[in-house]
Amino acid sequence: MVTTFVLVHGAYHGGWCWRRVADLLRRQGHTVFTPTLTGLGERAHLLGPEVGLTTMIDDVVAVVEAEELTDVVLVGHSFGALPVLGATGPLAPRLRRPVILDGIVVEPGSHGFAGLSADLVEARREAARRHPSGLAIPPPPAEFFGVIDPADRAWVERRLTAHPLRTYTDPMPDGPWTAGLLVTYLRCTDPVFPGVAGVTDVVLGHGGRVLDLAAPHDAMITHPDLLVAELVSLADE
């Protein structure tokens, strides 16, 4: 089955991080969009105090609506789960299914930091205080995301950019739970990313499902073939 995928990156990343996955999917005949969220990647120059979670939800909605996409498999990685889940409300009629890849999941009215471990939240707040603008969190090294191959690590670290702090503190709007959509959560297990441990309880509590993926957090970089096989399998269900 030919599918339209919209792949949304996580914190510090940009659409570039999906390059290997997108190439593999397109070779199979699928249509793929990899938008970069405002204030990140090649759009880092747009960082400002107004850039928050709503901005990034609007980014996702705009891509799907402007491209007139339907029957979409919408994928959010890591932080990218938040704008993806926030976008499922307005986009519900256009979606086949939402998929979260090792991402942050919180209840409506909560915020992104609530889906992270306390030590990671404090580390990110402290890092933002050291950033020249005070508006963004400087990126950690690529190894933090499970990228250990030297060439991959260098490639990733050249592209990582500071992440807008406000996107973690803005309240989460209604998402798939009120739109009648069930979420599939792909949990990376090799190794488990401790920052998002426990968020799967929210998914399960709303009738979603959790599947394990034997890859590190940045699976789209380290294990693109494995991830593509899983995404295509989900799309074909």
C-alpha atoms as a PDB file:
ATOM      1  CA  MET A   1       0.000   0.000   0.000  1.00  0.00           C
ATOM      2  CA  VAL A   2       1.400   3.390  -0.992  1.00  0.00           C
ATOM      3  CA  THR A   3       1.306   5.765   1.974  1.00  0.00           C
ATOM      4  CA  THR A   4       1.846   9.439   2.715  1.00  0.00           C
ATOM      5  CA  PHE A   5       4.155   9.919   5.688  1.00  0.00           C
ATOM      6  CA  VAL A   6       4.756  13.182   7.527  1.00  0.00           C
ATOM      7  CA  LEU A   7       7.804  12.761   9.776  1.00  0.00           C
ATOM      8  CA  VAL A   8       8.317  15.326  12.532  1.00  0.00           C
ATOM      9  CA  HIS A   9      11.701  15.586  14.249  1.00  0.00           C
ATOM     10  CA  GLY A  10      12.516  16.044  17.913  1.00  0.00           C
ATOM     11  CA  ALA A  11      14.338  18.655  19.971  1.00  0.00           C
ATOM     12  CA  TYR A  12      17.529  20.185  18.543  1.00  0.00           C
ATOM     13  CA  HIS A  13      17.031  18.348  15.240  1.00  0.00           C
ATOM     14  CA  GLY A  14      15.472  19.362  11.924  1.00  0.00           C
ATOM     15  CA  GLY A  15      13.900  17.708   8.940  1.00  0.00           C
ATOM     16  CA  TRP A  16      17.416  16.656   7.927  1.00  0.00           C
ATOM     17  CA  CYS A  17      17.479  13.866  10.531  1.00  0.00           C
ATOM     18  CA  TRP A  18      14.915  11.851   8.532  1.00  0.00           C
ATOM     19  CA  ARG A  19      17.017  11.801   5.353  1.00  0.00           C
ATOM     20  CA  ARG A  20      17.853   8.093   5.428  1.00  0.00           C
ATOM     21  CA  VAL A  21      14.338   7.029   6.369  1.00  0.00           C
ATOM     22  CA  ALA A  22      12.769   9.324   3.773  1.00  0.00           C
ATOM     23  CA  ASP A  23      15.051   8.010   1.028  1.00  0.00           C
ATOM     24  CA  LEU A  24      14.137   4.413   1.831  1.00  0.00           C
ATOM     25  CA  LEU A  25      10.417   5.149   1.954  1.00  0.00           C
ATOM     26  CA  ARG A  26      10.483   7.037  -1.345  1.00  0.00           C
ATOM     27  CA  ARG A  27      12.285   4.158  -3.037  1.00  0.00           C
ATOM     28  CA  GLN A  28       9.296   2.021  -2.079  1.00  0.00           C
ATOM     29  CA  GLY A  29       6.950   4.504  -3.734  1.00  0.00           C
ATOM     30  CA  HIS A  30       5.707   6.314  -0.646  1.00  0.00           C
ATOM     31  CA  THR A  31       5.227  10.077  -0.378  1.00  0.00           C
ATOM     32  CA  VAL A  32       7.245  11.663   2.430  1.00  0.00           C
ATOM     33  CA  PHE A  33       7.348  15.118   4.012  1.00  0.00           C
ATOM     34  CA  THR A  34       9.935  16.041   6.663  1.00  0.00           C
ATOM     35  CA  PRO A  35       9.117  19.570   7.856  1.00  0.00           C
ATOM     36  CA  THR A  36      11.476  21.507  10.099  1.00  0.00           C
ATOM     37  CA  LEU A  37       9.829  23.145  13.096  1.00  0.00           C
ATOM     38  CA  THR A  38      10.147  26.901  13.633  1.00  0.00           C
ATOM     39  CA  GLY A  39      13.363  27.951  15.378  1.00  0.00           C
ATOM     40  CA  LEU A  40      15.297  24.784  14.546  1.00  0.00           C
ATOM     41  CA  GLY A  41      17.527  23.459  11.777  1.00  0.00           C
ATOM     42  CA  GLU A  42      17.529  25.698   8.718  1.00  0.00           C
ATOM     43  CA  ARG A  43      14.805  27.736  10.460  1.00  0.00           C
ATOM     44  CA  ALA A  44      16.925  28.480  13.548  1.00  0.00           C
ATOM     45  CA  HIS A  45      17.045  32.151  12.564  1.00  0.00           C
ATOM     46  CA  LEU A  46      13.318  32.365  13.381  1.00  0.00           C
ATOM     47  CA  LEU A  47      13.892  31.696  17.086  1.00  0.00           C
ATOM     48  CA  GLY A  48      12.224  34.351  19.235  1.00  0.00           C
ATOM     49  CA  PRO A  49      10.247  34.730  22.462  1.00  0.00           C
ATOM     50  CA  GLU A  50       6.992  34.044  20.618  1.00  0.00           C
ATOM     51  CA  VAL A  51       8.059  30.575  19.428  1.00  0.00           C
ATOM     52  CA  GLY A  52       6.191  28.039  21.527  1.00  0.00           C
ATOM     53  CA  LEU A  53       4.347  24.766  21.281  1.00  0.00           C
ATOM     54  CA  THR A  54       1.418  26.353  19.445  1.00  0.00           C
ATOM     55  CA  THR A  55       3.851  27.620  16.805  1.00  0.00           C
ATOM     56  CA  MET A  56       5.064  24.103  16.166  1.00  0.00           C
ATOM     57  CA  ILE A  57       1.590  22.589  16.152  1.00  0.00           C
ATOM     58  CA  ASP A  58       0.736  25.171  13.503  1.00  0.00           C
ATOM     59  CA  ASP A  59       3.842  24.096  11.551  1.00  0.00           C
ATOM     60  CA  VAL A  60       2.577  20.520  11.373  1.00  0.00           C
ATOM     61  CA  VAL A  61      -0.997  21.487  10.530  1.00  0.00           C
ATOM     62  CA  ALA A  62       0.193  23.889   7.837  1.00  0.00           C
ATOM     63  CA  VAL A  63       2.222  21.246   6.006  1.00  0.00           C
ATOM     64  CA  VAL A  64      -0.646  18.774   5.867  1.00  0.00           C
ATOM     65  CA  GLU A  65      -3.237  21.367   4.878  1.00  0.00           C
ATOM     66  CA  ALA A  66      -1.089  23.306   2.400  1.00  0.00           C
ATOM     67  CA  GLU A  67      -0.064  20.104   0.632  1.00  0.00           C
ATOM     68  CA  GLU A  68      -3.700  18.904   0.700  1.00  0.00           C
ATOM     69  CA  LEU A  69      -2.667  15.595   2.222  1.00  0.00           C
ATOM     70  CA  THR A  70      -5.105  12.885   3.280  1.00  0.00           C
ATOM     71  CA  ASP A  71      -4.831   9.414   4.808  1.00  0.00           C
ATOM     72  CA  VAL A  72      -1.564  10.485   6.443  1.00  0.00           C
ATOM     73  CA  VAL A  73       0.630   8.479   8.788  1.00  0.00           C
ATOM     74  CA  LEU A  74       1.843  11.263  11.080  1.00  0.00           C
ATOM     75  CA  VAL A  75       5.011  10.410  12.999  1.00  0.00           C
ATOM     76  CA  GLY A  76       6.514  12.396  15.868  1.00  0.00           C
ATOM     77  CA  HIS A  77       9.939  11.621  17.320  1.00  0.00           C
ATOM     78  CA  SER A  78      10.986  12.560  20.856  1.00  0.00           C
ATOM     79  CA  PHE A  79       9.867  16.173  21.507  1.00  0.00           C
ATOM     80  CA  GLY A  80       8.154  16.063  18.104  1.00  0.00           C
ATOM     81  CA  ALA A  81       5.457  13.924  19.710  1.00  0.00           C
ATOM     82  CA  LEU A  82       4.037  17.068  21.324  1.00  0.00           C
ATOM     83  CA  PRO A  83       3.298  19.065  18.144  1.00  0.00           C
ATOM     84  CA  VAL A  84       2.160  15.879  16.409  1.00  0.00           C
ATOM     85  CA  LEU A  85      -0.294  15.028  19.178  1.00  0.00           C
ATOM     86  CA  GLY A  86      -1.429  18.638  19.331  1.00  0.00           C
ATOM     87  CA  ALA A  87      -2.045  18.633  15.590  1.00  0.00           C
ATOM     88  CA  THR A  88      -4.181  15.502  15.612  1.00  0.00           C
ATOM     89  CA  GLY A  89      -7.248  17.467  16.676  1.00  0.00           C
ATOM     90  CA  PRO A  90      -7.493  19.785  13.662  1.00  0.00           C
ATOM     91  CA  LEU A  91      -6.021  17.148  11.341  1.00  0.00           C
ATOM     92  CA  ALA A  92      -8.077  14.143  12.475  1.00  0.00           C
ATOM     93  CA  PRO A  93     -10.091  13.781   9.225  1.00  0.00           C
ATOM     94  CA  ARG A  94      -6.837  13.759   7.240  1.00  0.00           C
ATOM     95  CA  LEU A  95      -5.005  11.117   9.282  1.00  0.00           C
ATOM     96  CA  ARG A  96      -4.715   7.368   8.925  1.00  0.00           C
ATOM     97  CA  ARG A  97      -2.914   7.055  12.233  1.00  0.00           C
ATOM     98  CA  PRO A  98      -0.546   8.948  14.573  1.00  0.00           C
ATOM     99  CA  VAL A  99       2.697   7.197  15.507  1.00  0.00           C
ATOM    100  CA  ILE A 100       5.027   8.315  18.279  1.00  0.00           C
ATOM    101  CA  LEU A 101       8.687   7.294  18.120  1.00  0.00           C
ATOM    102  CA  ASP A 102      10.218   7.286  21.613  1.00  0.00           C
ATOM    103  CA  GLY A 103       8.486  10.570  22.314  1.00  0.00           C
ATOM    104  CA  ILE A 104       7.098  12.759  25.071  1.00  0.00           C
ATOM    105  CA  VAL A 105       3.417  12.136  25.782  1.00  0.00           C
ATOM    106  CA  VAL A 106       1.440  14.206  28.298  1.00  0.00           C
ATOM    107  CA  GLU A 107      -2.198  14.797  29.121  1.00  0.00           C
ATOM    108  CA  PRO A 108      -4.044  17.867  27.748  1.00  0.00           C
ATOM    109  CA  GLY A 109      -3.393  20.891  29.956  1.00  0.00           C
ATOM    110  CA  SER A 110      -0.011  19.579  31.031  1.00  0.00           C
ATOM    111  CA  HIS A 111       3.318  20.574  29.442  1.00  0.00           C
ATOM    112  CA  GLY A 112       6.300  18.914  27.834  1.00  0.00           C
ATOM    113  CA  PHE A 113       8.536  19.073  30.877  1.00  0.00           C
ATOM    114  CA  ALA A 114       5.964  16.961  32.739  1.00  0.00           C
ATOM    115  CA  GLY A 115       6.821  14.103  30.398  1.00  0.00           C
ATOM    116  CA  LEU A 116      10.547  14.180  31.175  1.00  0.00           C
ATOM    117  CA  SER A 117      12.484  12.990  34.197  1.00  0.00           C
ATOM    118  CA  ALA A 118      13.089  15.628  36.884  1.00  0.00           C
ATOM    119  CA  ASP A 119      16.863  15.569  36.484  1.00  0.00           C
ATOM    120  CA  LEU A 120      16.605  16.092  32.730  1.00  0.00           C
ATOM    121  CA  VAL A 121      14.182  19.000  33.204  1.00  0.00           C
ATOM    122  CA  GLU A 122      16.542  20.743  35.603  1.00  0.00           C
ATOM    123  CA  ALA A 123      19.506  20.150  33.278  1.00  0.00           C
ATOM    124  CA  ARG A 124      17.609  21.732  30.388  1.00  0.00           C
ATOM    125  CA  ARG A 125      16.472  24.729  32.427  1.00  0.00           C
ATOM    126  CA  GLU A 126      20.040  25.305  33.581  1.00  0.00           C
ATOM    127  CA  ALA A 127      21.350  24.985  30.028  1.00  0.00           C
ATOM    128  CA  ALA A 128      18.808  27.564  28.848  1.00  0.00           C
ATOM    129  CA  ARG A 129      19.990  29.983  31.532  1.00  0.00           C
ATOM    130  CA  ARG A 130      23.471  29.740  30.034  1.00  0.00           C
ATOM    131  CA  HIS A 131      22.261  30.351  26.473  1.00  0.00           C
ATOM    132  CA  PRO A 132      22.990  33.924  25.277  1.00  0.00           C
ATOM    133  CA  SER A 133      19.314  34.602  24.558  1.00  0.00           C
ATOM    134  CA  GLY A 134      17.891  32.719  27.523  1.00  0.00           C
ATOM    135  CA  LEU A 135      15.218  31.500  25.109  1.00  0.00           C
ATOM    136  CA  ALA A 136      16.688  28.177  24.048  1.00  0.00           C
ATOM    137  CA  ILE A 137      18.380  25.029  25.296  1.00  0.00           C
ATOM    138  CA  PRO A 138      21.802  24.301  23.736  1.00  0.00           C
ATOM    139  CA  PRO A 139      22.043  20.827  22.202  1.00  0.00           C
ATOM    140  CA  PRO A 140      23.768  17.944  23.972  1.00  0.00           C
ATOM    141  CA  PRO A 141      26.316  15.752  22.164  1.00  0.00           C
ATOM    142  CA  ALA A 142      24.996  13.221  19.662  1.00  0.00           C
ATOM    143  CA  GLU A 143      25.862  10.341  21.989  1.00  0.00           C
ATOM    144  CA  PHE A 144      23.030  11.542  24.232  1.00  0.00           C
ATOM    145  CA  PHE A 145      20.647  10.342  21.520  1.00  0.00           C
ATOM    146  CA  GLY A 146      22.407   6.999  21.087  1.00  0.00           C
ATOM    147  CA  VAL A 147      24.449   8.019  18.033  1.00  0.00           C
ATOM    148  CA  ILE A 148      27.890   6.500  18.555  1.00  0.00           C
ATOM    149  CA  ASP A 149      29.276   5.885  15.059  1.00  0.00           C
ATOM    150  CA  PRO A 150      31.995   8.558  14.612  1.00  0.00           C
ATOM    151  CA  ALA A 151      30.855   9.649  11.148  1.00  0.00           C
ATOM    152  CA  ASP A 152      27.205   9.783  12.183  1.00  0.00           C
ATOM    153  CA  ARG A 153      28.085  11.603  15.372  1.00  0.00           C
ATOM    154  CA  ALA A 154      29.978  14.288  13.477  1.00  0.00           C
ATOM    155  CA  TRP A 155      27.159  14.626  10.935  1.00  0.00           C
ATOM    156  CA  VAL A 156      24.539  15.056  13.655  1.00  0.00           C
ATOM    157  CA  GLU A 157      26.541  17.482  15.774  1.00  0.00           C
ATOM    158  CA  ARG A 158      27.167  19.768  12.804  1.00  0.00           C
ATOM    159  CA  ARG A 159      23.405  20.156  12.421  1.00  0.00           C
ATOM    160  CA  LEU A 160      21.974  20.232  15.929  1.00  0.00           C
ATOM    161  CA  THR A 161      20.662  23.648  17.000  1.00  0.00           C
ATOM    162  CA  ALA A 162      19.403  25.121  20.260  1.00  0.00           C
ATOM    163  CA  HIS A 163      15.787  24.256  21.076  1.00  0.00           C
ATOM    164  CA  PRO A 164      13.160  26.872  22.072  1.00  0.00           C
ATOM    165  CA  LEU A 165      12.557  26.583  25.823  1.00  0.00           C
ATOM    166  CA  ARG A 166       8.971  27.813  25.704  1.00  0.00           C
ATOM    167  CA  THR A 167       7.867  24.755  23.730  1.00  0.00           C
ATOM    168  CA  TYR A 168       8.384  22.669  26.872  1.00  0.00           C
ATOM    169  CA  THR A 169       6.392  24.979  29.172  1.00  0.00           C
ATOM    170  CA  ASP A 170       3.358  25.838  27.033  1.00  0.00           C
ATOM    171  CA  PRO A 171       0.215  23.837  27.885  1.00  0.00           C
ATOM    172  CA  MET A 172      -0.677  20.852  25.755  1.00  0.00           C
ATOM    173  CA  PRO A 173      -3.998  21.202  23.895  1.00  0.00           C
ATOM    174  CA  ASP A 174      -6.504  18.427  23.314  1.00  0.00           C
ATOM    175  CA  GLY A 175      -5.057  15.769  21.068  1.00  0.00           C
ATOM    176  CA  PRO A 176      -5.893  12.345  19.703  1.00  0.00           C
ATOM    177  CA  TRP A 177      -7.741  11.319  22.856  1.00  0.00           C
ATOM    178  CA  THR A 178     -10.636  13.688  22.064  1.00  0.00           C
ATOM    179  CA  ALA A 179     -10.386  13.164  18.294  1.00  0.00           C
ATOM    180  CA  GLY A 180     -11.082   9.444  18.545  1.00  0.00           C
ATOM    181  CA  LEU A 181      -7.633   8.441  17.269  1.00  0.00           C
ATOM    182  CA  LEU A 182      -5.599   5.646  18.820  1.00  0.00           C
ATOM    183  CA  VAL A 183      -1.871   6.220  19.160  1.00  0.00           C
ATOM    184  CA  THR A 184       0.823   3.663  18.384  1.00  0.00           C
ATOM    185  CA  TYR A 185       3.974   4.255  20.427  1.00  0.00           C
ATOM    186  CA  LEU A 186       7.308   2.841  19.260  1.00  0.00           C
ATOM    187  CA  ARG A 187       9.570   2.532  22.295  1.00  0.00           C
ATOM    188  CA  CYS A 188      13.282   2.381  21.544  1.00  0.00           C
ATOM    189  CA  THR A 189      14.873  -0.268  23.744  1.00  0.00           C
ATOM    190  CA  ASP A 190      18.534  -0.604  22.730  1.00  0.00           C
ATOM    191  CA  PRO A 191      19.140   1.187  24.979  1.00  0.00           C
ATOM    192  CA  VAL A 192      16.035   2.596  26.653  1.00  0.00           C
ATOM    193  CA  PHE A 193      16.098   6.412  26.659  1.00  0.00           C
ATOM    194  CA  PRO A 194      15.620   7.236  30.368  1.00  0.00           C
ATOM    195  CA  GLY A 195      14.321  10.753  29.773  1.00  0.00           C
ATOM    196  CA  VAL A 196      10.916   9.553  28.560  1.00  0.00           C
ATOM    197  CA  ALA A 197      10.490   6.502  30.782  1.00  0.00           C
ATOM    198  CA  GLY A 198       6.920   6.170  32.001  1.00  0.00           C
ATOM    199  CA  VAL A 199       5.169   8.209  29.312  1.00  0.00           C
ATOM    200  CA  THR A 200       3.795   5.053  27.741  1.00  0.00           C
ATOM    201  CA  ASP A 201       1.331   4.855  30.641  1.00  0.00           C
ATOM    202  CA  VAL A 202      -0.520   7.818  29.125  1.00  0.00           C
ATOM    203  CA  VAL A 203      -0.749   6.065  25.761  1.00  0.00           C
ATOM    204  CA  LEU A 204      -1.984   2.823  27.286  1.00  0.00           C
ATOM    205  CA  GLY A 205      -4.419   4.687  29.511  1.00  0.00           C
ATOM    206  CA  HIS A 206      -6.126   6.087  26.428  1.00  0.00           C
ATOM    207  CA  GLY A 207      -6.376   2.743  24.648  1.00  0.00           C
ATOM    208  CA  GLY A 208      -3.237   3.064  22.541  1.00  0.00           C
ATOM    209  CA  ARG A 209      -0.544   0.445  22.151  1.00  0.00           C
ATOM    210  CA  VAL A 210       3.187   0.273  22.748  1.00  0.00           C
ATOM    211  CA  LEU A 211       5.580  -1.651  20.498  1.00  0.00           C
ATOM    212  CA  ASP A 212       9.299  -2.122  21.122  1.00  0.00           C
ATOM    213  CA  LEU A 213      11.986  -1.190  18.599  1.00  0.00           C
ATOM    214  CA  ALA A 214      15.481  -2.611  19.160  1.00  0.00           C
ATOM    215  CA  ALA A 215      17.302   0.643  18.442  1.00  0.00           C
ATOM    216  CA  PRO A 216      18.563   3.718  20.311  1.00  0.00           C
ATOM    217  CA  HIS A 217      16.646   6.984  20.637  1.00  0.00           C
ATOM    218  CA  ASP A 218      17.728   8.414  17.257  1.00  0.00           C
ATOM    219  CA  ALA A 219      16.650   5.271  15.423  1.00  0.00           C
ATOM    220  CA  MET A 220      16.052   7.177  12.187  1.00  0.00           C
ATOM    221  CA  ILE A 221      19.798   7.813  12.020  1.00  0.00           C
ATOM    222  CA  THR A 222      21.219   4.615  13.484  1.00  0.00           C
ATOM    223  CA  HIS A 223      18.659   2.029  12.292  1.00  0.00           C
ATOM    224  CA  PRO A 224      16.771   3.476   9.308  1.00  0.00           C
ATOM    225  CA  ASP A 225      16.017   0.088   7.713  1.00  0.00           C
ATOM    226  CA  LEU A 226      14.515  -1.298  10.902  1.00  0.00           C
ATOM    227  CA  LEU A 227      12.439   1.825  11.462  1.00  0.00           C
ATOM    228  CA  VAL A 228      11.188   1.915   7.877  1.00  0.00           C
ATOM    229  CA  ALA A 229      10.085  -1.710   8.089  1.00  0.00           C
ATOM    230  CA  GLU A 230       8.117  -0.937  11.241  1.00  0.00           C
ATOM    231  CA  LEU A 231       6.512   2.210   9.827  1.00  0.00           C
ATOM    232  CA  VAL A 232       5.459   0.465   6.627  1.00  0.00           C
ATOM    233  CA  SER A 233       4.039  -2.427   8.620  1.00  0.00           C
ATOM    234  CA  LEU A 234       1.986  -0.025  10.731  1.00  0.00           C
ATOM    235  CA  ALA A 235       0.805   1.856   7.660  1.00  0.00           C
ATOM    236  CA  ASP A 236      -0.381  -1.368   6.034  1.00  0.00           C
ATOM    237  CA  GLU A 237      -2.522  -2.455   8.974  1.00  0.00           C
END
